[in-house]
Amino acid sequence: MLEMRSISPEEFVPWTRAEARAHGNRLDDDPEMLRPRFDLDRSIAVFDQGEIVGGAHSHSIEMSIPGTTIAIAGVANIAVQPTHTRQGLMTRMMHHQIHDLHERGEPLAALFASESIIYRRFGYGIGSLYERWTIDRQHTGYARRYESPGRIRFVDPADISNDLPEVFRRTTAGRPGVFQRPPHQWERDSQAPEHLQGGQGGLFYAAYEEGGRVDGYVTYRITSTNLCVNELMATTTEAMTALWRFCFDVDRTSSTEALKRPVDDPLPWMLADPRRLQRSIRDGVWVRVVDVAAALKLRRYMQPDKLVIEIKDDLCPWNEGRFELEGSPEGAECRASNSSPDLVLGISDLASAYMGAVSFSTFARAGLAEERTPNALLRADCMFAVQYPPWTPCNF
């Protein structure tokens, strides 16, 4: 008989070992480093004859949504050992977790999916998108003449927690889908063992300064003749232009790659030959609306309006039904309603529209949303519009 419950302090290390086996990873040298930021009460473990064979975890974390930042449940460490897959363990854990998050009063949950096919059936929808780029060096010329008023300097890894977090915050301000790195994560990155290792592949940090202020930075590594941009953050056009020019022009490199760029990044429009930029798009964070009424009330809306939205949610009966939403840039009210709906859609699709990742009209054309009153799709699109598409440049 399988048992599912939270783990005890003594079961923490076996729990991490079960997760490592599930993903085919080596166990960290010192799993105890994770314990200070691990809430045992929010853990889930599945036991088979006393042995942990699967698990999941969540923790409270802040994420930006349109118009504000709220505390949500960051879901992670979802794993089932190969000996127990295809037996419904993940379904049991996910159902248990969502009900637990509802009892905790957390309106949204978010996770990063190892496989995009898994989580829609648990009510998660794509909350942000990003692009991956590759371009050969000979095609990186700008369409307009470029002159930099500032300078670029390298930053010692030990010093990245001084100026870089503020640049990250300023660059991502107003952007849905962002998790701000906590101080301990910046500190951990600054002390990564790879900074003491020789050879190719090391991570470098370079900052753009103008007028004595750091307005941007880039983290990159070089493998063979390819320069790979892990992260580039810039608060001004001058900083962004200079940092990309720096990356493109590093000697003994023949190509530049960028891992996670926002879908509205201006760089493609700055290039003289943008067709040469190879672009692919991928899902970023996945979001689950745990409490529809609470979540819709927390968001801000581009245009004032009132809509009745009918939600389909097989997993959470408290979300199944109609909700009257009255929202504006200043705030919102949302309550259960018996009125005829303007729109009908499923819970996972609501999550994507909620974050601003896709419009209601797009879902309607895909057969995933139904318009019940004239112009309701257009009104919803205008109401839920965002200035900046959601982007999740780093995991939590």
Protein backbone atom coordinates (compact mmCIF):
# COMPACT_ATOMS: atom_id res chain seq x y z
CA MET A 1 0.00 0.00 0.00
CA LEU A 2 1.44 3.37 -1.03
CA GLU A 3 1.52 6.16 1.55
CA MET A 4 1.63 9.90 0.76
CA ARG A 5 2.59 12.53 3.33
CA SER A 6 5.08 15.25 4.21
CA ILE A 7 8.58 14.21 5.14
CA SER A 8 10.27 14.39 8.53
CA PRO A 9 13.69 16.01 9.07
CA GLU A 10 15.34 12.58 9.01
CA GLU A 11 13.77 11.82 5.63
CA PHE A 12 15.11 14.93 3.86
CA VAL A 13 18.26 13.33 2.41
CA PRO A 14 16.46 10.15 1.23
CA TRP A 15 13.87 12.43 -0.37
CA THR A 16 16.57 14.29 -2.33
CA ARG A 17 18.09 10.97 -3.39
CA ALA A 18 14.75 9.78 -4.74
CA GLU A 19 14.42 12.97 -6.80
CA ALA A 20 17.95 12.56 -8.16
CA ARG A 21 17.23 8.99 -9.23
CA ALA A 22 13.97 10.06 -10.89
CA HIS A 23 15.75 12.59 -13.10
CA GLY A 24 18.89 10.55 -13.65
CA ASN A 25 21.02 13.13 -11.86
CA ARG A 26 23.93 12.82 -9.51
CA LEU A 27 23.07 13.78 -5.96
CA ASP A 28 24.60 17.08 -4.86
CA ASP A 29 27.73 16.66 -2.79
CA ASP A 30 26.03 18.23 0.17
CA PRO A 31 22.20 18.09 0.02
CA GLU A 32 22.13 19.68 3.47
CA MET A 33 22.86 23.01 1.75
CA LEU A 34 19.26 22.94 0.53
CA ARG A 35 17.71 22.32 3.94
CA PRO A 36 17.67 25.93 5.30
CA ARG A 37 15.34 27.00 2.47
CA PHE A 38 13.28 23.82 2.40
CA ASP A 39 9.88 23.83 4.15
CA LEU A 40 9.21 20.29 5.30
CA ASP A 41 5.55 21.07 5.83
CA ARG A 42 5.18 21.88 2.10
CA SER A 43 6.85 18.67 0.96
CA ILE A 44 5.13 15.62 -0.50
CA ALA A 45 6.59 12.13 -0.51
CA VAL A 46 5.19 8.84 -1.72
CA PHE A 47 6.35 5.79 0.23
CA ASP A 48 6.33 2.18 -0.92
CA GLN A 49 7.08 -0.16 1.99
CA GLY A 50 8.90 2.65 3.77
CA GLU A 51 11.00 3.70 0.77
CA ILE A 52 10.51 7.11 -0.86
CA VAL A 53 9.68 6.58 -4.54
CA GLY A 54 8.32 10.00 -5.51
CA GLY A 55 7.91 13.52 -4.25
CA ALA A 56 7.15 17.17 -4.83
CA HIS A 57 7.63 20.46 -3.02
CA SER A 58 6.51 24.08 -3.07
CA HIS A 59 7.57 27.28 -1.41
CA SER A 60 6.15 30.77 -1.15
CA ILE A 61 7.79 33.13 -3.61
CA GLU A 62 7.02 36.49 -5.20
CA MET A 63 6.17 36.70 -8.90
CA SER A 64 5.21 39.71 -10.97
CA ILE A 65 1.76 39.66 -12.58
CA PRO A 66 0.27 42.45 -14.71
CA GLY A 67 0.32 45.58 -12.60
CA THR A 68 1.81 44.23 -9.37
CA THR A 69 3.81 41.55 -7.60
CA ILE A 70 2.22 38.88 -5.40
CA ALA A 71 3.17 35.87 -3.33
CA ILE A 72 2.52 32.59 -5.13
CA ALA A 73 3.44 28.92 -4.68
CA GLY A 74 6.64 27.99 -6.51
CA VAL A 75 6.30 24.29 -7.31
CA ALA A 76 9.46 22.24 -7.79
CA ASN A 77 11.14 18.88 -7.25
CA ILE A 78 8.32 16.91 -8.87
CA ALA A 79 9.65 13.41 -9.39
CA VAL A 80 8.66 9.76 -9.63
CA GLN A 81 11.32 7.07 -9.68
CA PRO A 82 11.54 4.92 -12.84
CA THR A 83 10.44 1.91 -10.75
CA HIS A 84 7.03 3.53 -10.10
CA THR A 85 6.14 5.52 -13.21
CA ARG A 86 2.83 5.02 -15.06
CA GLN A 87 1.08 4.13 -11.80
CA GLY A 88 -0.74 7.42 -11.15
CA LEU A 89 1.67 8.70 -8.49
CA MET A 90 2.19 12.08 -10.12
CA THR A 91 -1.55 12.60 -10.52
CA ARG A 92 -2.10 11.86 -6.83
CA MET A 93 0.68 14.22 -5.79
CA MET A 94 -0.45 17.07 -8.04
CA HIS A 95 -4.08 16.79 -6.91
CA HIS A 96 -3.00 16.73 -3.28
CA GLN A 97 -0.71 19.72 -3.73
CA ILE A 98 -3.26 21.95 -5.49
CA HIS A 99 -5.82 21.33 -2.75
CA ASP A 100 -3.16 22.07 -0.13
CA LEU A 101 -2.25 25.37 -1.84
CA HIS A 102 -5.91 26.35 -1.88
CA GLU A 103 -6.17 25.70 1.85
CA ARG A 104 -3.08 27.89 2.35
CA GLY A 105 -4.82 30.74 0.52
CA GLU A 106 -2.30 30.95 -2.33
CA PRO A 107 -4.13 32.08 -5.49
CA LEU A 108 -1.50 31.05 -8.05
CA ALA A 109 1.08 28.31 -8.48
CA ALA A 110 3.97 28.24 -10.94
CA LEU A 111 6.49 25.68 -12.15
CA PHE A 112 9.02 24.97 -14.87
CA ALA A 113 8.09 21.96 -16.97
CA SER A 114 10.68 19.39 -17.98
CA GLU A 115 8.15 18.17 -20.55
CA SER A 116 5.51 20.49 -21.98
CA ILE A 117 2.94 17.72 -22.39
CA ILE A 118 2.59 16.97 -18.67
CA TYR A 119 1.05 19.84 -16.75
CA ARG A 120 -1.88 21.09 -18.80
CA ARG A 121 -3.94 18.19 -17.48
CA PHE A 122 -3.43 19.58 -13.97
CA GLY A 123 -4.73 23.02 -14.97
CA TYR A 124 -1.38 24.70 -15.67
CA GLY A 125 -1.03 26.97 -18.69
CA ILE A 126 1.94 28.64 -20.34
CA GLY A 127 2.59 31.83 -18.39
CA SER A 128 5.53 33.19 -20.35
CA LEU A 129 7.50 32.59 -23.54
CA TYR A 130 11.09 33.25 -24.53
CA GLU A 131 13.28 33.06 -27.61
CA ARG A 132 16.62 31.35 -28.23
CA TRP A 133 18.94 32.98 -30.72
CA THR A 134 21.97 32.10 -32.81
CA ILE A 135 23.77 34.39 -35.24
CA ASP A 136 27.08 34.21 -37.11
CA ARG A 137 29.51 36.99 -36.40
CA GLN A 138 29.61 38.37 -39.96
CA HIS A 139 25.89 39.14 -39.80
CA THR A 140 25.83 41.12 -36.53
CA GLY A 141 26.10 44.60 -38.00
CA TYR A 142 23.65 47.25 -36.80
CA ALA A 143 21.27 49.04 -39.16
CA ARG A 144 22.30 52.41 -37.75
CA ARG A 145 25.63 53.88 -36.77
CA TYR A 146 26.57 53.05 -33.22
CA GLU A 147 28.64 55.06 -30.71
CA SER A 148 28.80 54.25 -27.01
CA PRO A 149 28.86 57.05 -24.42
CA GLY A 150 29.79 54.62 -21.64
CA ARG A 151 32.32 51.88 -20.96
CA ILE A 152 32.26 48.15 -20.36
CA ARG A 153 34.28 46.55 -17.59
CA PHE A 154 34.56 43.03 -16.25
CA VAL A 155 33.05 42.28 -12.85
CA ASP A 156 34.75 39.91 -10.45
CA PRO A 157 32.35 37.04 -9.62
CA ALA A 158 32.76 37.86 -5.93
CA ASP A 159 31.28 41.32 -6.57
CA ILE A 160 28.20 40.48 -8.67
CA SER A 161 25.84 40.88 -5.74
CA ASN A 162 26.76 44.59 -5.42
CA ASP A 163 25.32 46.24 -8.55
CA LEU A 164 23.82 43.48 -10.67
CA PRO A 165 20.66 42.77 -8.62
CA GLU A 166 19.52 46.39 -8.95
CA VAL A 167 20.06 46.29 -12.72
CA PHE A 168 18.02 43.08 -12.90
CA ARG A 169 15.23 44.71 -10.90
CA ARG A 170 15.17 47.89 -13.00
CA THR A 171 15.29 45.99 -16.29
CA THR A 172 12.39 43.69 -15.41
CA ALA A 173 10.18 46.29 -13.69
CA GLY A 174 6.63 46.12 -15.02
CA ARG A 175 7.22 42.79 -16.76
CA PRO A 176 4.88 39.89 -15.79
CA GLY A 177 6.36 36.48 -15.08
CA VAL A 178 9.54 37.63 -13.33
CA PHE A 179 11.00 36.14 -10.15
CA GLN A 180 13.53 38.40 -8.47
CA ARG A 181 16.60 36.43 -7.38
CA PRO A 182 16.88 36.45 -3.58
CA PRO A 183 20.19 37.65 -2.08
CA HIS A 184 21.29 34.12 -1.17
CA GLN A 185 21.03 33.08 -4.84
CA TRP A 186 23.26 35.95 -5.98
CA GLU A 187 25.69 35.02 -3.22
CA ARG A 188 25.64 31.35 -4.25
CA ASP A 189 26.30 32.28 -7.89
CA SER A 190 29.20 34.49 -6.86
CA GLN A 191 30.82 31.56 -5.04
CA ALA A 192 30.23 28.88 -7.68
CA PRO A 193 33.17 26.44 -7.89
CA GLU A 194 33.48 26.95 -11.65
CA HIS A 195 34.92 30.42 -11.05
CA LEU A 196 38.06 28.76 -9.70
CA GLN A 197 38.43 26.28 -12.55
CA GLY A 198 40.62 26.77 -15.61
CA GLY A 199 39.97 26.06 -19.26
CA GLN A 200 37.12 27.01 -21.56
CA GLY A 201 33.51 27.28 -20.49
CA GLY A 202 33.90 29.57 -17.50
CA LEU A 203 31.23 32.18 -16.78
CA PHE A 204 32.18 35.84 -17.25
CA TYR A 205 30.41 38.98 -16.02
CA ALA A 206 30.70 42.33 -17.79
CA ALA A 207 28.93 45.56 -16.82
CA TYR A 208 28.09 48.72 -18.73
CA GLU A 209 28.79 51.97 -16.87
CA GLU A 210 27.78 55.49 -17.80
CA GLY A 211 28.09 58.54 -15.61
CA GLY A 212 29.33 56.40 -12.72
CA ARG A 213 26.22 54.19 -12.71
CA VAL A 214 25.88 50.57 -13.81
CA ASP A 215 23.05 50.45 -16.36
CA GLY A 216 23.49 46.93 -17.68
CA TYR A 217 25.37 43.68 -17.51
CA VAL A 218 25.91 40.47 -19.43
CA THR A 219 26.89 37.00 -18.24
CA TYR A 220 28.39 34.74 -20.87
CA ARG A 221 30.66 31.79 -21.52
CA ILE A 222 32.76 30.76 -24.52
CA THR A 223 32.90 27.19 -25.79
CA SER A 224 35.08 26.57 -28.82
CA THR A 225 34.32 29.65 -30.97
CA ASN A 226 30.78 30.21 -29.75
CA LEU A 227 29.91 32.93 -27.22
CA CYS A 228 26.78 31.99 -25.29
CA VAL A 229 24.87 34.77 -23.52
CA ASN A 230 23.29 33.40 -20.36
CA GLU A 231 21.75 36.70 -19.37
CA LEU A 232 21.82 40.28 -20.63
CA MET A 233 20.03 42.97 -18.67
CA ALA A 234 20.02 46.65 -19.60
CA THR A 235 18.05 49.59 -18.26
CA THR A 236 18.85 51.92 -21.20
CA THR A 237 19.08 51.60 -24.96
CA GLU A 238 22.72 52.70 -24.78
CA ALA A 239 23.58 49.92 -22.34
CA MET A 240 21.75 47.27 -24.37
CA THR A 241 23.35 48.35 -27.65
CA ALA A 242 26.84 48.44 -26.17
CA LEU A 243 26.57 45.07 -24.42
CA TRP A 244 25.36 43.25 -27.54
CA ARG A 245 28.10 44.92 -29.59
CA PHE A 246 30.64 43.74 -27.02
CA CYS A 247 29.36 40.16 -27.23
CA PHE A 248 29.35 40.14 -31.03
CA ASP A 249 32.90 41.49 -31.29
CA VAL A 250 34.83 39.31 -28.81
CA ASP A 251 37.94 38.02 -30.61
CA ARG A 252 38.28 34.37 -31.67
CA THR A 253 34.51 33.84 -31.69
CA SER A 254 32.55 33.06 -34.83
CA SER A 255 28.99 32.97 -33.50
CA THR A 256 26.84 34.28 -30.68
CA GLU A 257 24.04 32.42 -28.94
CA ALA A 258 21.46 33.76 -26.48
CA LEU A 259 19.47 31.41 -24.26
CA LYS A 260 16.45 33.33 -22.96
CA ARG A 261 15.32 36.53 -24.62
CA PRO A 262 11.90 38.21 -24.35
CA VAL A 263 9.66 37.84 -27.38
CA ASP A 264 9.57 41.65 -27.74
CA ASP A 265 13.35 42.12 -27.50
CA PRO A 266 14.39 45.08 -29.70
CA LEU A 267 17.68 43.57 -30.93
CA PRO A 268 16.21 41.88 -34.05
CA TRP A 269 14.97 45.29 -35.16
CA MET A 270 18.42 46.83 -34.63
CA LEU A 271 20.24 44.42 -36.94
CA ALA A 272 21.02 45.38 -40.54
CA ASP A 273 20.21 41.83 -41.66
CA PRO A 274 17.67 40.46 -39.13
CA ARG A 275 16.92 37.39 -41.25
CA ARG A 276 20.32 36.02 -40.25
CA LEU A 277 19.26 35.84 -36.61
CA GLN A 278 18.05 32.28 -36.07
CA ARG A 279 15.13 32.42 -33.63
CA SER A 280 13.15 29.71 -31.86
CA ILE A 281 10.43 30.16 -29.26
CA ARG A 282 9.80 28.08 -26.16
CA ASP A 283 7.56 28.02 -23.10
CA GLY A 284 8.96 29.54 -19.93
CA VAL A 285 7.08 29.41 -16.64
CA TRP A 286 3.76 27.53 -16.35
CA VAL A 287 1.04 29.01 -14.14
CA ARG A 288 -1.93 27.43 -12.35
CA VAL A 289 -4.84 29.59 -11.17
CA VAL A 290 -5.61 27.98 -7.81
CA ASP A 291 -8.36 30.44 -6.84
CA VAL A 292 -10.02 32.21 -9.79
CA ALA A 293 -11.84 34.93 -7.83
CA ALA A 294 -8.81 35.81 -5.70
CA ALA A 295 -6.38 35.80 -8.64
CA LEU A 296 -8.54 37.96 -10.90
CA LYS A 297 -8.98 40.46 -8.09
CA LEU A 298 -5.22 40.82 -7.60
CA ARG A 299 -4.39 41.63 -11.21
CA ARG A 300 -4.49 45.08 -12.80
CA TYR A 301 -6.21 45.68 -16.15
CA MET A 302 -5.25 47.85 -19.12
CA GLN A 303 -8.76 49.19 -19.73
CA PRO A 304 -11.74 49.47 -17.36
CA ASP A 305 -14.49 46.98 -18.16
CA LYS A 306 -16.80 44.37 -16.73
CA LEU A 307 -17.06 40.75 -17.91
CA VAL A 308 -18.72 37.55 -16.78
CA ILE A 309 -16.35 34.65 -17.41
CA GLU A 310 -17.34 31.01 -17.10
CA ILE A 311 -14.47 28.72 -16.08
CA LYS A 312 -14.14 24.97 -16.57
CA ASP A 313 -11.96 23.30 -13.93
CA ASP A 314 -12.36 19.55 -13.39
CA LEU A 315 -9.80 19.47 -10.58
CA CYS A 316 -10.92 22.37 -8.38
CA PRO A 317 -14.69 22.55 -7.82
CA TRP A 318 -14.43 25.99 -6.21
CA ASN A 319 -13.24 27.35 -9.59
CA GLU A 320 -16.00 25.74 -11.64
CA GLY A 321 -18.61 28.33 -12.52
CA ARG A 322 -19.16 31.94 -13.52
CA PHE A 323 -17.30 34.96 -12.19
CA GLU A 324 -18.19 38.61 -12.61
CA LEU A 325 -15.00 40.61 -13.04
CA GLU A 326 -14.87 44.40 -12.88
CA GLY A 327 -11.33 45.62 -13.39
CA SER A 328 -9.30 48.71 -14.23
CA PRO A 329 -5.69 49.98 -13.96
CA GLU A 330 -6.42 50.90 -10.33
CA GLY A 331 -7.77 47.54 -9.13
CA ALA A 332 -10.47 44.94 -9.51
CA GLU A 333 -13.38 43.16 -7.90
CA CYS A 334 -14.41 39.61 -8.70
CA ARG A 335 -17.27 37.52 -7.36
CA ALA A 336 -19.28 34.43 -8.22
CA SER A 337 -22.18 35.14 -10.52
CA ASN A 338 -25.37 33.59 -11.90
CA SER A 339 -25.45 35.92 -14.91
CA SER A 340 -25.09 34.70 -18.46
CA PRO A 341 -21.39 34.47 -19.40
CA ASP A 342 -19.64 36.70 -21.91
CA LEU A 343 -16.82 34.16 -22.35
CA VAL A 344 -16.27 30.49 -21.57
CA LEU A 345 -12.83 28.86 -21.29
CA GLY A 346 -10.81 26.31 -19.34
CA ILE A 347 -8.64 26.96 -16.31
CA SER A 348 -5.29 26.37 -18.04
CA ASP A 349 -6.17 28.82 -20.82
CA LEU A 350 -7.27 31.40 -18.26
CA ALA A 351 -3.78 31.20 -16.74
CA SER A 352 -2.12 32.09 -20.04
CA ALA A 353 -4.49 34.96 -20.75
CA TYR A 354 -4.21 36.13 -17.13
CA MET A 355 -0.44 36.55 -17.50
CA GLY A 356 -0.75 38.26 -20.87
CA ALA A 357 1.00 35.47 -22.77
CA VAL A 358 -1.82 35.09 -25.31
CA SER A 359 -5.10 36.79 -26.15
CA PHE A 360 -8.60 35.48 -25.68
CA SER A 361 -9.15 35.91 -29.43
CA THR A 362 -6.26 33.58 -30.18
CA PHE A 363 -7.74 30.96 -27.87
CA ALA A 364 -11.12 31.36 -29.59
CA ARG A 365 -9.54 30.76 -33.00
CA ALA A 366 -7.89 27.65 -31.54
CA GLY A 367 -11.26 26.40 -30.34
CA LEU A 368 -10.31 26.87 -26.68
CA ALA A 369 -12.54 29.83 -25.79
CA GLU A 370 -16.14 30.59 -26.66
CA GLU A 371 -17.61 34.04 -27.11
CA ARG A 372 -21.19 34.20 -25.81
CA THR A 373 -21.90 37.93 -26.24
CA PRO A 374 -20.90 40.17 -29.18
CA ASN A 375 -17.47 41.81 -28.94
CA ALA A 376 -16.66 40.01 -25.68
CA LEU A 377 -13.38 38.69 -27.11
CA LEU A 378 -12.21 42.16 -28.16
CA ARG A 379 -13.23 43.63 -24.82
CA ALA A 380 -11.38 40.89 -22.94
CA ASP A 381 -8.30 41.33 -25.15
CA CYS A 382 -8.21 45.06 -24.40
CA MET A 383 -8.89 44.54 -20.72
CA PHE A 384 -6.19 41.87 -20.21
CA ALA A 385 -3.62 43.53 -22.50
CA VAL A 386 -0.09 44.11 -21.17
CA GLN A 387 2.54 46.64 -22.21
CA TYR A 388 5.34 44.09 -21.95
CA PRO A 389 4.76 40.40 -22.75
CA PRO A 390 5.55 38.10 -19.81
CA TRP A 391 9.14 36.90 -19.59
CA THR A 392 10.86 34.67 -17.06
CA PRO A 393 14.61 35.18 -17.45
CA CYS A 394 15.56 32.97 -14.50
CA ASN A 395 14.08 30.11 -12.51
CA PHE A 396 13.19 30.32 -8.85
